[in-house]
Amino acid sequence: MRSFVVLAFFCSTLAAQTCAVGVSVPDSASAVGTCNVFPFGQVSFTYAGKIAAGFLDPVNPYVNDIAFAPCGTGTYNCNTVVIAMGHVPNPMPVPFNFPTVDASGVLVTSGSFLDLTIIHNSFATGTAGPASTSGPLSWNVTQNTWSPMGFGASSGTGFLWNGVDDVAFFITHQNSTASWGGACHRATEPRFYSTGYNQPACATCAAASALKIQLLVTQGPGLPAVPGWQCNQASSSLDINGAADPGPGGPMVTSVGTGTTVTANFGGLIGFPYEIATTSPEPGGGVGFGGFLTPGGQAVNINLTAPSIQYLFGLALANAFTPFTYPTSSSAPFSISAQQLVMDPSFADGFALSHLNELNFVSCGVTENFDTLSAGLGVAPIGWINPSAGAAWSVHTGSTTSGATGPTSAFNGSNYIYCETSSPNFPNVTFTMDTCPVDATTIALGALSFELSAIGVTIGTLNVYQGDGAGNFIPIPIFTQTGPEPGQAQGGTEWTNKLVLLSLVSPFVDFRFEYTSSTSFTGDLAIDDIMLN
């Protein structure tokens, strides 16, 4: 792997192929997350969803369009709707006061917003923003796909981030319809809402369940976007273990435990010269932060000034490309970054670049209480695998987002990890999480223990499997349980210790926690304080 290297060589003019620049909050997985009908599935509703400044892109501060991730396909229609964005205080005050308009759609107050940009005001006589359109709003959506609301087709939203403050999306509407039911995927960012049109303040404030949102951003009104990170393209691509390209918000990062084997996949234009550059341990950088744009508009993210930089072919550009894979592992902690260049005369630069990949082999353990992790869907300790596709476990604090199921607090400390079984995560939806592999010779007692919370009338089945540290799991579970844990109740005994004796037959060992939901949303299952003794 240490000889697995990438690129440099930059010339030419004009524009090249890059991916659309979008800021996804909190992630880019448009098919992941429970479905919720607030606000688009409600006939009359007022809603604000917070977007923390840390998600935004200082290189591309202008919001050209806004997209959500619907749980169905159809059309949203509304004749009375006001949509806006603005900067908000940190923290947002509770109660949070909403913007309000008069009977003609004229803005009366911006509420708790620091400033407000009107994006769409259905009242022709109402307050308009720099990019405001008026009249009825019709929005076509596609299931599990980021679906822009259409503001970019005209002059954009008019909203320009100030580079400092948090922001929020705002909508108030009445007499709306949504042919697919209006549900969109949500996550754990704060939301503020009240039933009814033009409400003065939130009735439910700061609930950690805002809709996922994607902001399509550019440098400014009428200006193109600057990709912070180059995306994979047909002429040059690189990924680890078949990972999907996450977009231009950062590198493609893969972190696994030492001893784990991963496969690097190299794709591109067959028969043309190529080069691969690597740095170790220096990471790459986004445009303006160590990376830069080529004249043709591609992002060079590998650190060309790093002392460790290596080129697979010494920049000879004499080796013809053929797609290939490269399995690799490391017995010691190790980090490497790589970016590929393939010559392509159809590009303005004369070449195509891949997304920069950052591969980290880390020392990790199975013992975990999740307290050092940020709350969120798909979050996992370094080296663990908590897939972002399909159902994923969520690190959480306090009660789960559904009533009458799940614990109200962690067994110990602040966080635990659980499976949220609200729609569409039932029936028979499987959540899978793998620990990192550890050296079996360091395990003294050969026992796995964890705290289990299984409160709810429709708890499904938890299976725990033992593996060899290389992705191979024995098909017979070492632990299984179906249904609620006897004696558990919210506010009473919420956690029960489970102890599993192990038979260690391979040099490395890892574990898979696999939960399959039952027939309804009251099946939230949680675990905490995993220990390998």
Protein backbone atom coordinates (compact mmCIF):
# COMPACT_ATOMS: atom_id res chain seq x y z
CA MET A 1 0.00 0.00 0.00
CA ARG A 2 2.90 2.37 0.64
CA SER A 3 3.69 2.29 -3.07
CA PHE A 4 0.06 3.03 -3.95
CA VAL A 5 0.64 6.62 -5.28
CA VAL A 6 -1.00 9.69 -7.44
CA LEU A 7 -0.66 12.76 -9.87
CA ALA A 8 0.22 16.39 -10.71
CA PHE A 9 0.48 18.10 -13.97
CA PHE A 10 -1.71 21.06 -14.63
CA CYS A 11 -2.23 23.22 -17.70
CA SER A 12 -4.87 24.42 -20.20
CA THR A 13 -8.08 26.50 -20.09
CA LEU A 14 -11.89 26.42 -20.11
CA ALA A 15 -14.24 24.25 -18.05
CA ALA A 16 -14.00 20.61 -16.96
CA GLN A 17 -16.38 18.06 -15.51
CA THR A 18 -17.05 18.41 -11.79
CA CYS A 19 -19.98 17.46 -9.59
CA ALA A 20 -22.65 19.86 -8.40
CA VAL A 21 -21.70 21.62 -5.19
CA GLY A 22 -24.21 20.91 -2.48
CA VAL A 23 -24.18 21.40 1.27
CA SER A 24 -26.00 18.42 2.80
CA VAL A 25 -27.32 18.64 6.36
CA PRO A 26 -26.43 16.47 8.17
CA ASP A 27 -25.32 14.06 5.39
CA SER A 28 -25.80 13.35 1.70
CA ALA A 29 -27.72 10.06 2.11
CA SER A 30 -31.06 10.93 0.48
CA ALA A 31 -32.63 7.51 1.15
CA VAL A 32 -31.66 7.25 4.83
CA GLY A 33 -33.56 8.51 7.87
CA THR A 34 -37.06 8.17 9.25
CA CYS A 35 -39.87 9.80 7.27
CA ASN A 36 -41.82 12.77 8.62
CA VAL A 37 -44.72 14.82 7.26
CA PHE A 38 -43.71 18.12 8.94
CA PRO A 39 -44.07 20.53 7.16
CA PHE A 40 -44.93 19.41 3.61
CA GLY A 41 -47.53 16.79 4.57
CA GLN A 42 -49.52 19.21 6.73
CA VAL A 43 -52.34 21.29 5.25
CA SER A 44 -51.41 24.38 7.30
CA PHE A 45 -48.09 24.60 9.11
CA THR A 46 -45.23 26.87 10.21
CA TYR A 47 -41.72 25.42 10.42
CA ALA A 48 -38.05 26.37 10.79
CA GLY A 49 -35.09 24.00 10.50
CA LYS A 50 -31.66 24.99 11.80
CA ILE A 51 -28.52 24.69 9.64
CA ALA A 52 -25.35 25.04 11.70
CA ALA A 53 -22.59 27.23 10.25
CA GLY A 54 -20.22 24.26 10.36
CA PHE A 55 -22.12 22.61 7.51
CA LEU A 56 -21.80 25.62 5.17
CA ASP A 57 -19.16 26.30 2.52
CA PRO A 58 -17.16 29.54 2.84
CA VAL A 59 -15.96 29.21 -0.76
CA ASN A 60 -19.55 28.97 -2.01
CA PRO A 61 -21.69 31.12 0.33
CA TYR A 62 -24.63 31.78 -2.03
CA VAL A 63 -27.65 29.45 -1.85
CA ASN A 64 -28.88 28.90 -5.41
CA ASP A 65 -31.51 26.28 -4.63
CA ILE A 66 -32.89 24.16 -1.78
CA ALA A 67 -33.57 20.42 -1.93
CA PHE A 68 -35.18 17.88 0.37
CA ALA A 69 -35.18 14.06 0.36
CA PRO A 70 -38.78 12.85 -0.10
CA CYS A 71 -39.97 9.42 0.99
CA GLY A 72 -42.24 9.19 -2.09
CA THR A 73 -42.70 10.51 -5.61
CA GLY A 74 -45.28 13.18 -6.42
CA THR A 75 -46.04 16.90 -6.39
CA TYR A 76 -46.45 19.52 -3.66
CA ASN A 77 -48.86 22.36 -4.52
CA CYS A 78 -49.74 25.43 -2.48
CA ASN A 79 -51.42 28.75 -3.30
CA THR A 80 -50.56 30.43 0.02
CA VAL A 81 -46.94 29.95 1.03
CA VAL A 82 -44.01 32.03 2.23
CA ILE A 83 -40.48 30.55 2.14
CA ALA A 84 -37.39 32.32 3.49
CA MET A 85 -33.88 31.83 4.84
CA GLY A 86 -31.98 33.91 7.32
CA HIS A 87 -29.22 34.03 9.91
CA VAL A 88 -30.14 32.98 13.45
CA PRO A 89 -28.59 33.33 16.92
CA ASN A 90 -26.56 30.52 18.46
CA PRO A 91 -28.22 29.05 20.39
CA MET A 92 -31.61 29.69 18.84
CA PRO A 93 -33.90 31.12 21.55
CA VAL A 94 -36.71 29.06 23.03
CA PRO A 95 -39.42 29.93 22.32
CA PHE A 96 -38.35 30.88 18.81
CA ASN A 97 -40.45 33.64 17.22
CA PHE A 98 -41.34 33.08 13.58
CA PRO A 99 -41.50 35.72 10.85
CA THR A 100 -45.07 36.84 10.20
CA VAL A 101 -46.83 38.55 7.28
CA ASP A 102 -50.06 40.54 7.05
CA ALA A 103 -53.11 39.63 4.96
CA SER A 104 -51.37 40.98 1.84
CA GLY A 105 -48.19 39.02 2.41
CA VAL A 106 -46.19 42.03 3.61
CA LEU A 107 -43.56 41.09 6.17
CA VAL A 108 -44.55 42.35 9.64
CA THR A 109 -41.64 40.99 11.66
CA SER A 110 -38.58 38.78 11.14
CA GLY A 111 -39.17 37.18 14.53
CA SER A 112 -36.04 35.73 16.13
CA PHE A 113 -34.10 35.73 12.84
CA LEU A 114 -31.13 38.13 12.76
CA ASP A 115 -32.10 38.93 9.16
CA LEU A 116 -34.43 37.40 6.61
CA THR A 117 -34.36 36.82 2.86
CA ILE A 118 -37.76 36.08 1.32
CA ILE A 119 -37.36 33.34 -1.32
CA HIS A 120 -40.96 32.69 -2.38
CA ASN A 121 -44.00 34.75 -1.45
CA SER A 122 -47.23 33.63 -3.08
CA PHE A 123 -48.73 37.09 -2.55
CA ALA A 124 -48.05 39.34 -5.55
CA THR A 125 -48.51 42.30 -3.20
CA GLY A 126 -46.29 40.83 -0.48
CA THR A 127 -42.73 41.52 0.57
CA ALA A 128 -40.29 40.30 -2.06
CA GLY A 129 -36.67 39.34 -1.58
CA PRO A 130 -33.81 39.71 -4.09
CA ALA A 131 -34.81 36.47 -5.81
CA SER A 132 -38.43 36.18 -4.74
CA THR A 133 -41.10 34.72 -6.98
CA SER A 134 -44.80 35.08 -6.36
CA GLY A 135 -47.90 33.03 -7.10
CA PRO A 136 -48.66 29.37 -6.39
CA LEU A 137 -45.76 27.01 -5.72
CA SER A 138 -45.57 23.64 -7.45
CA TRP A 139 -42.70 21.28 -6.57
CA ASN A 140 -42.11 17.89 -8.18
CA VAL A 141 -40.24 15.33 -6.09
CA THR A 142 -38.70 11.89 -6.59
CA GLN A 143 -38.54 9.24 -3.87
CA ASN A 144 -35.21 8.95 -2.01
CA THR A 145 -33.62 11.55 -4.31
CA TRP A 146 -32.53 15.09 -3.49
CA SER A 147 -35.36 17.11 -5.09
CA PRO A 148 -34.64 20.84 -5.62
CA MET A 149 -37.54 23.22 -5.13
CA GLY A 150 -36.75 24.99 -8.40
CA PHE A 151 -35.45 28.38 -7.26
CA GLY A 152 -32.18 27.89 -9.15
CA ALA A 153 -34.09 27.76 -12.45
CA SER A 154 -34.90 31.47 -12.07
CA SER A 155 -32.46 33.68 -10.18
CA GLY A 156 -31.66 31.60 -7.12
CA THR A 157 -32.85 32.11 -3.56
CA GLY A 158 -31.17 35.47 -3.01
CA PHE A 159 -29.69 34.26 0.29
CA LEU A 160 -25.98 34.88 0.90
CA TRP A 161 -24.40 33.36 4.02
CA ASN A 162 -22.34 35.85 6.03
CA GLY A 163 -19.64 33.27 6.73
CA VAL A 164 -20.16 33.31 10.50
CA ASP A 165 -23.68 32.72 11.81
CA ASP A 166 -25.95 29.69 11.81
CA VAL A 167 -28.89 29.87 9.40
CA ALA A 168 -32.40 28.44 9.21
CA PHE A 169 -34.88 27.46 6.51
CA PHE A 170 -38.40 28.83 7.10
CA ILE A 171 -41.79 28.00 5.60
CA THR A 172 -45.38 28.83 6.47
CA HIS A 173 -48.26 27.64 4.29
CA GLN A 174 -51.96 26.87 4.25
CA ASN A 175 -54.25 24.70 2.11
CA SER A 176 -51.32 22.78 0.69
CA THR A 177 -51.45 19.34 -0.92
CA ALA A 178 -48.74 16.71 -1.42
CA SER A 179 -49.71 13.79 -3.64
CA TRP A 180 -47.14 11.43 -2.05
CA GLY A 181 -48.23 12.37 1.48
CA GLY A 182 -45.51 15.01 2.05
CA ALA A 183 -43.12 12.85 4.09
CA CYS A 184 -39.39 13.54 3.75
CA HIS A 185 -36.38 11.95 5.42
CA ARG A 186 -35.31 13.56 8.67
CA ALA A 187 -32.27 13.39 10.95
CA THR A 188 -31.31 14.99 14.26
CA GLU A 189 -30.83 18.72 13.62
CA PRO A 190 -33.11 21.10 15.61
CA ARG A 191 -36.54 22.00 14.26
CA PHE A 192 -39.14 24.51 15.48
CA TYR A 193 -42.79 24.28 14.47
CA SER A 194 -46.45 25.05 15.12
CA THR A 195 -49.59 23.74 13.48
CA GLY A 196 -51.30 26.44 11.45
CA TYR A 197 -50.37 29.16 8.98
CA ASN A 198 -48.46 32.34 9.94
CA GLN A 199 -47.91 31.26 13.54
CA PRO A 200 -46.09 33.76 15.80
CA ALA A 201 -43.88 31.27 17.67
CA CYS A 202 -43.01 27.59 17.96
CA ALA A 203 -45.27 25.30 19.95
CA THR A 204 -42.62 22.59 19.73
CA CYS A 205 -39.13 24.05 19.98
CA ALA A 206 -35.64 22.66 19.30
CA ALA A 207 -36.77 19.07 18.72
CA ALA A 208 -33.84 17.07 17.32
CA SER A 209 -35.66 15.86 14.21
CA ALA A 210 -35.45 18.45 11.41
CA LEU A 211 -35.80 17.33 7.80
CA LYS A 212 -32.60 16.58 5.96
CA ILE A 213 -31.85 19.48 3.63
CA GLN A 214 -29.41 20.10 0.81
CA LEU A 215 -28.37 23.60 -0.23
CA LEU A 216 -27.09 23.93 -3.80
CA VAL A 217 -24.47 26.63 -3.47
CA THR A 218 -22.29 28.85 -5.68
CA GLN A 219 -19.77 31.68 -5.26
CA GLY A 220 -22.51 34.28 -5.70
CA PRO A 221 -25.57 35.24 -7.76
CA GLY A 222 -24.96 34.27 -11.38
CA LEU A 223 -21.51 32.85 -10.59
CA PRO A 224 -20.44 29.22 -10.90
CA ALA A 225 -19.70 27.01 -7.93
CA VAL A 226 -16.14 26.28 -6.88
CA PRO A 227 -15.82 22.60 -5.95
CA GLY A 228 -13.96 22.34 -2.66
CA TRP A 229 -13.08 18.74 -3.48
CA GLN A 230 -12.92 17.03 -6.85
CA CYS A 231 -15.53 14.32 -7.42
CA ASN A 232 -15.02 11.02 -9.19
CA GLN A 233 -15.86 11.01 -12.89
CA ALA A 234 -16.02 8.38 -15.62
CA SER A 235 -12.53 9.20 -16.90
CA SER A 236 -10.87 8.97 -13.46
CA SER A 237 -12.27 7.44 -10.29
CA LEU A 238 -10.95 6.02 -7.04
CA ASP A 239 -12.79 4.53 -4.08
CA ILE A 240 -12.27 2.15 -1.17
CA ASN A 241 -14.55 -0.89 -0.93
CA GLY A 242 -16.95 0.49 -3.54
CA ALA A 243 -17.94 3.55 -1.48
CA ALA A 244 -20.26 6.01 -3.23
CA ASP A 245 -18.92 9.46 -3.98
CA PRO A 246 -20.20 11.77 -1.19
CA GLY A 247 -19.90 14.98 -3.23
CA PRO A 248 -17.47 17.90 -3.06
CA GLY A 249 -17.79 18.61 0.66
CA GLY A 250 -14.64 16.72 1.65
CA PRO A 251 -12.35 13.78 0.89
CA MET A 252 -13.59 10.21 0.64
CA VAL A 253 -12.52 8.95 4.07
CA THR A 254 -12.27 5.29 5.03
CA SER A 255 -11.17 4.41 8.58
CA VAL A 256 -10.71 0.77 9.54
CA GLY A 257 -9.02 -1.13 12.31
CA THR A 258 -5.51 -2.44 11.93
CA GLY A 259 -5.56 -5.92 10.46
CA THR A 260 -8.58 -5.18 8.27
CA THR A 261 -8.26 -5.78 4.52
CA VAL A 262 -9.76 -3.17 2.23
CA THR A 263 -9.84 -2.92 -1.56
CA ALA A 264 -8.95 0.21 -3.52
CA ASN A 265 -10.78 0.42 -6.86
CA PHE A 266 -9.25 2.42 -9.71
CA GLY A 267 -11.39 3.35 -12.74
CA GLY A 268 -10.87 5.55 -15.74
CA LEU A 269 -10.32 5.96 -19.48
CA ILE A 270 -8.79 2.74 -20.79
CA GLY A 271 -5.58 2.98 -22.78
CA PHE A 272 -4.57 6.51 -21.82
CA PRO A 273 -1.58 7.48 -19.64
CA TYR A 274 -2.21 7.83 -15.93
CA GLU A 275 -0.51 8.73 -12.66
CA ILE A 276 -1.30 8.22 -8.99
CA ALA A 277 0.07 10.43 -6.22
CA THR A 278 0.06 9.70 -2.51
CA THR A 279 1.03 11.39 0.72
CA SER A 280 1.46 9.75 4.10
CA PRO A 281 0.55 10.87 6.69
CA GLU A 282 -0.25 14.37 5.38
CA PRO A 283 -3.95 14.75 4.42
CA GLY A 284 -5.24 16.55 1.36
CA GLY A 285 -6.94 19.93 1.39
CA GLY A 286 -9.99 21.63 -0.09
CA VAL A 287 -9.75 24.47 -2.57
CA GLY A 288 -8.40 27.47 -0.70
CA PHE A 289 -7.23 25.24 2.15
CA GLY A 290 -4.17 23.63 0.54
CA GLY A 291 -5.98 22.52 -2.61
CA PHE A 292 -6.44 24.56 -5.78
CA LEU A 293 -8.36 24.64 -9.07
CA THR A 294 -6.83 23.78 -12.42
CA PRO A 295 -7.46 26.20 -15.31
CA GLY A 296 -10.12 23.76 -16.47
CA GLY A 297 -11.97 23.90 -13.14
CA GLN A 298 -10.97 20.60 -11.52
CA ALA A 299 -9.88 20.45 -7.88
CA VAL A 300 -6.37 19.30 -7.02
CA ASN A 301 -6.68 18.10 -3.43
CA ILE A 302 -3.50 16.09 -2.95
CA ASN A 303 -0.87 18.03 -0.99
CA LEU A 304 1.75 18.65 -3.69
CA THR A 305 4.17 20.25 -1.20
CA ALA A 306 4.05 17.42 1.35
CA PRO A 307 7.52 15.98 2.09
CA SER A 308 6.13 12.48 1.69
CA ILE A 309 4.56 12.92 -1.75
CA GLN A 310 5.23 10.07 -4.15
CA TYR A 311 4.25 9.39 -7.75
CA LEU A 312 3.65 5.84 -8.87
CA PHE A 313 5.39 6.37 -12.23
CA GLY A 314 7.50 9.43 -11.44
CA LEU A 315 5.22 11.66 -13.58
CA ALA A 316 6.41 9.87 -16.73
CA LEU A 317 2.84 9.59 -18.04
CA ALA A 318 3.87 6.63 -20.16
CA ASN A 319 1.79 3.83 -18.63
CA ALA A 320 -1.60 3.05 -20.25
CA PHE A 321 -4.50 2.82 -17.83
CA THR A 322 -6.53 -0.35 -17.29
CA PRO A 323 -9.06 -0.52 -14.44
CA PHE A 324 -7.68 -2.45 -11.47
CA THR A 325 -8.20 -3.22 -7.79
CA TYR A 326 -5.67 -3.27 -4.97
CA PRO A 327 -6.36 -5.15 -1.71
CA THR A 328 -4.36 -3.86 1.22
CA SER A 329 -4.10 -3.98 5.00
CA SER A 330 -1.78 -2.80 7.75
CA SER A 331 -0.86 -4.37 11.07
CA ALA A 332 0.08 -0.96 12.52
CA PRO A 333 -1.67 2.45 12.48
CA PHE A 334 -1.15 4.08 9.10
CA SER A 335 -2.74 6.89 7.03
CA ILE A 336 -2.44 7.61 3.32
CA SER A 337 -4.12 10.00 0.89
CA ALA A 338 -4.32 9.39 -2.86
CA GLN A 339 -5.65 11.10 -6.00
CA GLN A 340 -5.55 9.75 -9.56
CA LEU A 341 -4.97 11.51 -12.89
CA VAL A 342 -5.89 9.95 -16.25
CA MET A 343 -5.11 11.75 -19.51
CA ASP A 344 -8.29 12.58 -21.46
CA PRO A 345 -8.07 14.88 -24.51
CA SER A 346 -11.80 15.68 -24.27
CA PHE A 347 -11.17 17.65 -21.07
CA ALA A 348 -10.07 21.28 -21.19
CA ASP A 349 -7.14 20.38 -18.94
CA GLY A 350 -6.25 17.38 -21.10
CA PHE A 351 -6.73 15.10 -18.09
CA ALA A 352 -9.32 14.00 -15.55
CA LEU A 353 -8.87 13.85 -11.77
CA SER A 354 -10.46 11.50 -9.25
CA HIS A 355 -11.82 12.25 -5.81
CA LEU A 356 -9.07 12.26 -3.20
CA ASN A 357 -9.31 9.23 -0.92
CA GLU A 358 -8.01 9.19 2.63
CA LEU A 359 -7.43 5.72 4.11
CA ASN A 360 -6.74 5.35 7.82
CA PHE A 361 -5.76 2.15 9.60
CA VAL A 362 -6.37 2.86 13.28
CA SER A 363 -5.87 1.09 16.56
CA CYS A 364 -9.31 0.58 17.97
CA GLY A 365 -11.22 -1.57 20.37
CA VAL A 366 -14.57 -3.21 20.87
CA THR A 367 -14.99 -1.66 24.35
CA GLU A 368 -17.17 1.42 23.78
CA ASN A 369 -19.73 3.60 25.60
CA PHE A 370 -20.30 6.09 22.70
CA ASP A 371 -19.86 9.16 24.96
CA THR A 372 -17.05 10.69 22.88
CA LEU A 373 -19.12 10.59 19.68
CA SER A 374 -21.39 13.28 18.26
CA ALA A 375 -25.07 12.35 18.17
CA GLY A 376 -26.43 11.40 14.76
CA LEU A 377 -27.54 8.77 12.29
CA GLY A 378 -24.81 6.48 10.96
CA VAL A 379 -22.22 7.69 13.48
CA ALA A 380 -19.77 5.06 14.73
CA PRO A 381 -16.43 4.80 16.55
CA ILE A 382 -13.34 4.92 14.35
CA GLY A 383 -12.82 1.62 12.63
CA TRP A 384 -16.42 0.46 13.13
CA ILE A 385 -18.84 0.15 10.22
CA ASN A 386 -22.30 1.69 10.57
CA PRO A 387 -23.59 1.80 6.98
CA SER A 388 -25.10 5.06 5.75
CA ALA A 389 -27.14 3.18 3.13
CA GLY A 390 -30.43 1.71 4.30
CA ALA A 391 -31.17 1.61 8.00
CA ALA A 392 -28.38 2.75 10.31
CA TRP A 393 -27.83 2.82 14.06
CA SER A 394 -28.00 6.28 15.68
CA VAL A 395 -25.87 7.67 18.50
CA HIS A 396 -28.31 9.46 20.79
CA THR A 397 -28.79 11.30 24.08
CA GLY A 398 -32.04 11.21 26.07
CA SER A 399 -35.28 9.65 24.87
CA THR A 400 -35.65 8.32 21.34
CA THR A 401 -37.80 10.25 18.88
CA SER A 402 -40.78 7.88 19.30
CA GLY A 403 -43.00 7.54 22.35
CA ALA A 404 -43.49 4.35 24.41
CA THR A 405 -40.28 2.76 23.16
CA GLY A 406 -36.54 3.01 23.78
CA PRO A 407 -34.68 4.22 26.88
CA THR A 408 -34.95 7.74 28.28
CA SER A 409 -31.21 8.01 28.99
CA ALA A 410 -27.91 6.18 28.58
CA PHE A 411 -26.97 3.34 30.89
CA ASN A 412 -23.88 5.29 31.90
CA GLY A 413 -22.66 8.70 30.77
CA SER A 414 -24.49 10.66 28.08
CA ASN A 415 -24.80 8.61 24.89
CA TYR A 416 -26.02 5.24 23.68
CA ILE A 417 -26.64 3.77 20.22
CA TYR A 418 -30.02 2.59 18.99
CA CYS A 419 -32.22 1.62 16.05
CA GLU A 420 -35.03 4.08 15.24
CA THR A 421 -37.98 2.05 13.92
CA SER A 422 -40.32 4.83 12.81
CA SER A 423 -41.53 4.61 9.20
CA PRO A 424 -39.99 3.49 6.84
CA ASN A 425 -37.88 1.39 9.24
CA PHE A 426 -40.55 -1.26 9.78
CA PRO A 427 -41.51 -4.02 9.17
CA ASN A 428 -38.51 -6.35 8.82
CA VAL A 429 -35.87 -3.66 8.26
CA THR A 430 -32.35 -4.75 9.27
CA PHE A 431 -29.82 -2.47 10.99
CA THR A 432 -26.22 -3.72 10.86
CA MET A 433 -23.18 -2.41 12.76
CA ASP A 434 -19.72 -4.04 12.79
CA THR A 435 -17.03 -3.38 15.37
CA CYS A 436 -13.42 -3.00 14.32
CA PRO A 437 -11.22 -6.11 14.50
CA VAL A 438 -8.95 -6.61 17.51
CA ASP A 439 -6.06 -8.97 18.22
CA ALA A 440 -7.63 -12.05 19.77
CA THR A 441 -4.43 -12.87 21.67
CA THR A 442 -4.90 -9.75 23.81
CA ILE A 443 -8.30 -10.88 25.12
CA ALA A 444 -7.80 -12.39 28.55
CA LEU A 445 -11.22 -13.73 29.55
CA GLY A 446 -12.89 -14.35 26.18
CA ALA A 447 -16.19 -12.67 27.03
CA LEU A 448 -18.31 -9.97 25.36
CA SER A 449 -20.73 -7.96 27.47
CA PHE A 450 -23.11 -5.10 26.72
CA GLU A 451 -26.10 -3.28 28.17
CA LEU A 452 -29.37 -3.87 26.32
CA SER A 453 -32.55 -1.76 26.31
CA ALA A 454 -35.51 -3.44 24.59
CA ILE A 455 -38.58 -1.44 25.60
CA GLY A 456 -41.62 -1.42 23.31
CA VAL A 457 -44.46 -3.73 22.33
CA THR A 458 -43.03 -4.40 18.86
CA ILE A 459 -39.35 -5.08 19.62
CA GLY A 460 -37.84 -7.20 16.86
CA THR A 461 -34.82 -9.53 16.90
CA LEU A 462 -31.23 -8.73 17.86
CA ASN A 463 -28.49 -11.09 16.67
CA VAL A 464 -24.80 -10.74 17.54
CA TYR A 465 -22.32 -12.51 15.30
CA GLN A 466 -18.60 -13.21 15.76
CA GLY A 467 -16.16 -12.67 12.87
CA ASP A 468 -12.53 -13.24 11.97
CA GLY A 469 -11.67 -9.54 11.56
CA ALA A 470 -11.70 -9.76 7.77
CA GLY A 471 -15.42 -9.37 7.14
CA ASN A 472 -16.30 -13.04 7.52
CA PHE A 473 -18.92 -13.74 10.20
CA ILE A 474 -19.95 -17.14 11.52
CA PRO A 475 -23.60 -17.50 10.35
CA ILE A 476 -24.79 -18.83 13.73
CA PRO A 477 -25.24 -15.92 16.20
CA ILE A 478 -23.42 -15.98 19.53
CA PHE A 479 -26.37 -14.06 21.05
CA THR A 480 -29.98 -13.67 19.96
CA GLN A 481 -33.08 -12.15 21.53
CA THR A 482 -36.56 -11.46 20.18
CA GLY A 483 -39.17 -9.23 21.78
CA PRO A 484 -39.13 -6.85 24.76
CA GLU A 485 -36.74 -7.42 27.67
CA PRO A 486 -38.76 -8.72 30.65
CA GLY A 487 -38.99 -6.25 33.54
CA GLN A 488 -37.90 -3.20 31.57
CA ALA A 489 -39.98 0.00 31.44
CA GLN A 490 -39.32 3.65 30.69
CA GLY A 491 -38.51 5.47 33.91
CA GLY A 492 -37.87 2.18 35.71
CA THR A 493 -35.34 -0.52 34.85
CA GLU A 494 -34.27 0.47 31.34
CA TRP A 495 -31.05 -1.53 30.88
CA THR A 496 -30.05 -5.18 31.36
CA ASN A 497 -26.52 -6.57 31.15
CA LYS A 498 -25.85 -9.33 28.63
CA LEU A 499 -22.73 -11.54 28.86
CA VAL A 500 -21.56 -13.82 26.05
CA LEU A 501 -18.69 -16.32 26.45
CA LEU A 502 -16.51 -16.56 23.35
CA SER A 503 -14.59 -19.25 21.54
CA LEU A 504 -11.62 -17.48 19.90
CA VAL A 505 -10.39 -19.44 16.89
CA SER A 506 -8.77 -16.79 14.68
CA PRO A 507 -5.92 -14.26 15.18
CA PHE A 508 -8.37 -11.37 14.99
CA VAL A 509 -11.97 -11.06 16.13
CA ASP A 510 -14.79 -8.61 15.44
CA PHE A 511 -18.54 -8.54 16.07
CA ARG A 512 -21.69 -7.68 14.15
CA PHE A 513 -24.76 -6.27 15.93
CA GLU A 514 -27.72 -6.94 13.64
CA TYR A 515 -31.24 -5.85 14.57
CA THR A 516 -34.36 -6.56 12.51
CA SER A 517 -37.44 -4.48 13.27
CA SER A 518 -40.90 -5.92 13.83
CA THR A 519 -44.32 -4.57 12.84
CA SER A 520 -44.48 -0.98 14.11
CA PHE A 521 -42.58 2.08 15.36
CA THR A 522 -42.56 0.87 19.00
CA GLY A 523 -39.50 -1.27 18.37
CA ASP A 524 -36.58 1.04 19.22
CA LEU A 525 -33.73 -1.15 20.55
CA ALA A 526 -30.60 0.30 22.17
CA ILE A 527 -27.21 -0.90 23.39
CA ASP A 528 -24.57 0.76 25.56
CA ASP A 529 -21.30 0.01 27.39
CA ILE A 530 -19.97 -2.72 25.12
CA MET A 531 -16.99 -4.44 26.74
CA LEU A 532 -14.61 -7.12 25.48
CA ASN A 533 -13.04 -8.67 28.56
